[in-house]
C-alpha atoms as a PDB file:
ATOM      1  CA  MET A   1      21.180  58.552  15.713  1.00  0.00           C
ATOM      2  CA  THR A   2      17.611  58.389  14.413  1.00  0.00           C
ATOM      3  CA  GLU A   3      14.523  60.204  15.687  1.00  0.00           C
ATOM      4  CA  ILE A   4      10.935  59.043  15.319  1.00  0.00           C
ATOM      5  CA  GLU A   5       8.583  62.020  15.618  1.00  0.00           C
ATOM      6  CA  LEU A   6       5.366  61.334  17.518  1.00  0.00           C
ATOM      7  CA  LYS A   7       2.635  63.823  18.516  1.00  0.00           C
ATOM      8  CA  ASN A   8       2.591  66.667  21.059  1.00  0.00           C
ATOM      9  CA  GLY A   9       6.347  67.170  20.932  1.00  0.00           C
ATOM     10  CA  TYR A  10       7.157  63.558  21.823  1.00  0.00           C
ATOM     11  CA  TYR A  11       9.800  61.649  19.909  1.00  0.00           C
ATOM     12  CA  ILE A  12      11.880  58.509  20.263  1.00  0.00           C
ATOM     13  CA  GLU A  13      15.614  58.867  19.882  1.00  0.00           C
ATOM     14  CA  ILE A  14      17.216  55.673  18.610  1.00  0.00           C
ATOM     15  CA  LYS A  15      20.846  54.906  19.231  1.00  0.00           C
ATOM     16  CA  LYS A  16      22.624  51.604  19.015  1.00  0.00           C
ATOM     17  CA  LEU A  17      20.561  49.196  21.166  1.00  0.00           C
ATOM     18  CA  SER A  18      18.691  51.935  23.054  1.00  0.00           C
ATOM     19  CA  TYR A  19      15.465  53.906  22.674  1.00  0.00           C
ATOM     20  CA  THR A  20      14.967  57.168  24.552  1.00  0.00           C
ATOM     21  CA  LEU A  21      11.529  58.764  24.827  1.00  0.00           C
ATOM     22  CA  ARG A  22      11.807  62.552  24.896  1.00  0.00           C
ATOM     23  CA  GLN A  23       9.497  65.536  24.613  1.00  0.00           C
ATOM     24  CA  ARG A  24      10.146  69.013  23.264  1.00  0.00           C
ATOM     25  CA  TYR A  25       8.248  71.701  25.149  1.00  0.00           C
ATOM     26  CA  THR A  26       8.305  75.423  25.803  1.00  0.00           C
ATOM     27  CA  GLY A  27       9.285  76.303  29.335  1.00  0.00           C
ATOM     28  CA  LYS A  28      10.574  79.488  30.896  1.00  0.00           C
ATOM     29  CA  SER A  29      14.095  80.741  31.500  1.00  0.00           C
ATOM     30  CA  LYS A  30      15.227  82.162  34.835  1.00  0.00           C
ATOM     31  CA  THR A  31      14.180  85.585  33.564  1.00  0.00           C
ATOM     32  CA  GLY A  32      10.697  84.330  32.668  1.00  0.00           C
ATOM     33  CA  GLU A  33      11.268  84.318  28.913  1.00  0.00           C
ATOM     34  CA  PRO A  34       9.921  81.396  26.831  1.00  0.00           C
ATOM     35  CA  LYS A  35      12.594  78.759  26.324  1.00  0.00           C
ATOM     36  CA  GLU A  36      12.576  75.583  24.220  1.00  0.00           C
ATOM     37  CA  SER A  37      13.501  72.569  26.332  1.00  0.00           C
ATOM     38  CA  ILE A  38      13.655  68.791  26.122  1.00  0.00           C
ATOM     39  CA  ARG A  39      12.326  66.443  28.791  1.00  0.00           C
ATOM     40  CA  THR A  40      13.530  62.830  28.924  1.00  0.00           C
ATOM     41  CA  HIS A  41      10.818  60.344  29.898  1.00  0.00           C
ATOM     42  CA  GLY A  42      12.955  57.214  29.943  1.00  0.00           C
ATOM     43  CA  HIS A  43      15.517  54.954  28.348  1.00  0.00           C
ATOM     44  CA  TYR A  44      14.383  51.573  27.017  1.00  0.00           C
ATOM     45  CA  ASN A  45      15.876  48.396  25.556  1.00  0.00           C
ATOM     46  CA  LYS A  46      12.965  47.855  23.145  1.00  0.00           C
ATOM     47  CA  ILE A  47      10.984  50.285  21.031  1.00  0.00           C
ATOM     48  CA  GLY A  48       7.728  48.706  22.256  1.00  0.00           C
ATOM     49  CA  GLN A  49       8.545  49.782  25.811  1.00  0.00           C
ATOM     50  CA  ALA A  50       9.083  53.384  24.681  1.00  0.00           C
ATOM     51  CA  ILE A  51       5.809  53.332  22.725  1.00  0.00           C
ATOM     52  CA  MET A  52       3.860  51.967  25.713  1.00  0.00           C
ATOM     53  CA  ARG A  53       5.240  54.764  27.896  1.00  0.00           C
ATOM     54  CA  TYR A  54       4.328  57.307  25.195  1.00  0.00           C
ATOM     55  CA  ILE A  55       0.731  56.053  25.208  1.00  0.00           C
ATOM     56  CA  GLU A  56       0.589  56.281  29.022  1.00  0.00           C
ATOM     57  CA  LEU A  57       1.884  59.861  28.888  1.00  0.00           C
ATOM     58  CA  CYS A  58      -0.693  60.781  26.225  1.00  0.00           C
ATOM     59  CA  GLN A  59      -3.409  59.453  28.513  1.00  0.00           C
ATOM     60  CA  MET A  60      -2.131  61.561  31.400  1.00  0.00           C
ATOM     61  CA  ASP A  61      -1.806  64.659  29.198  1.00  0.00           C
ATOM     62  CA  VAL A  62      -5.436  64.429  28.083  1.00  0.00           C
ATOM     63  CA  LEU A  63      -6.833  63.855  31.574  1.00  0.00           C
ATOM     64  CA  ASP A  64      -4.507  66.199  33.486  1.00  0.00           C
ATOM     65  CA  GLY A  65      -6.503  68.176  36.030  1.00  0.00           C
ATOM     66  CA  GLU A  66      -9.827  66.615  35.017  1.00  0.00           C
ATOM     67  CA  ARG A  67     -12.434  65.169  37.318  1.00  0.00           C
ATOM     68  CA  VAL A  68     -14.452  62.525  35.475  1.00  0.00           C
ATOM     69  CA  ALA A  69     -16.763  59.620  36.145  1.00  0.00           C
ATOM     70  CA  LEU A  70     -15.328  56.135  35.667  1.00  0.00           C
ATOM     71  CA  GLU A  71     -17.273  55.510  32.447  1.00  0.00           C
ATOM     72  CA  GLU A  72     -16.065  58.788  30.950  1.00  0.00           C
ATOM     73  CA  TYR A  73     -12.491  57.995  32.038  1.00  0.00           C
ATOM     74  CA  VAL A  74     -12.597  54.605  30.298  1.00  0.00           C
ATOM     75  CA  LYS A  75     -14.077  56.115  27.111  1.00  0.00           C
ATOM     76  CA  THR A  76     -11.433  58.847  27.065  1.00  0.00           C
ATOM     77  CA  ILE A  77      -8.584  56.361  27.589  1.00  0.00           C
ATOM     78  CA  GLU A  78      -9.938  54.137  24.813  1.00  0.00           C
ATOM     79  CA  GLN A  79     -10.139  57.130  22.465  1.00  0.00           C
ATOM     80  CA  VAL A  80      -6.622  58.330  23.331  1.00  0.00           C
ATOM     81  CA  ASN A  81      -5.235  54.822  22.810  1.00  0.00           C
ATOM     82  CA  LYS A  82      -7.013  54.498  19.466  1.00  0.00           C
ATOM     83  CA  ILE A  83      -5.598  57.817  18.242  1.00  0.00           C
ATOM     84  CA  ALA A  84      -2.091  56.913  19.430  1.00  0.00           C
ATOM     85  CA  VAL A  85      -2.201  53.486  17.789  1.00  0.00           C
ATOM     86  CA  GLN A  86      -3.568  54.948  14.529  1.00  0.00           C
ATOM     87  CA  GLY A  87      -0.743  57.477  14.484  1.00  0.00           C
ATOM     88  CA  LEU A  88       1.832  54.754  15.010  1.00  0.00           C
ATOM     89  CA  GLU A  89       0.221  52.558  12.356  1.00  0.00           C
ATOM     90  CA  ASN A  90       0.379  55.461   9.893  1.00  0.00           C
ATOM     91  CA  VAL A  91       4.078  55.923  10.563  1.00  0.00           C
ATOM     92  CA  LEU A  92       4.842  52.203  10.487  1.00  0.00           C
ATOM     93  CA  GLY A  93       2.675  51.720   7.402  1.00  0.00           C
ATOM     94  CA  ARG A  94       5.068  53.894   5.448  1.00  0.00           C
ATOM     95  CA  PHE A  95       7.708  51.216   5.923  1.00  0.00           C
ATOM     96  CA  GLU A  96       5.652  48.245   4.735  1.00  0.00           C
ATOM     97  CA  VAL A  97       7.162  46.204   1.968  1.00  0.00           C
ATOM     98  CA  LYS A  98       4.852  46.148  -1.035  1.00  0.00           C
END
């Protein structure tokens, strides 16, 4: 199994012919103590599908609970997408053949 670390606790777990998007986060135990947990966001046949879902989740994380005008929403989404794509390009750029 291989893991591709993304940002904000997200990662893609790669197994033979499957890609699982997961997120590490700190939740609470039944007693109220902090507890490390993993949330699964989906299983995909292609890595591109997992990456698209990751970008959607990043958008939702940034705008969670916000009330914004349409123009501000579009600008924020564009900025989030740009940051996500740059991060992926940085990771993928490490694997370029030179």
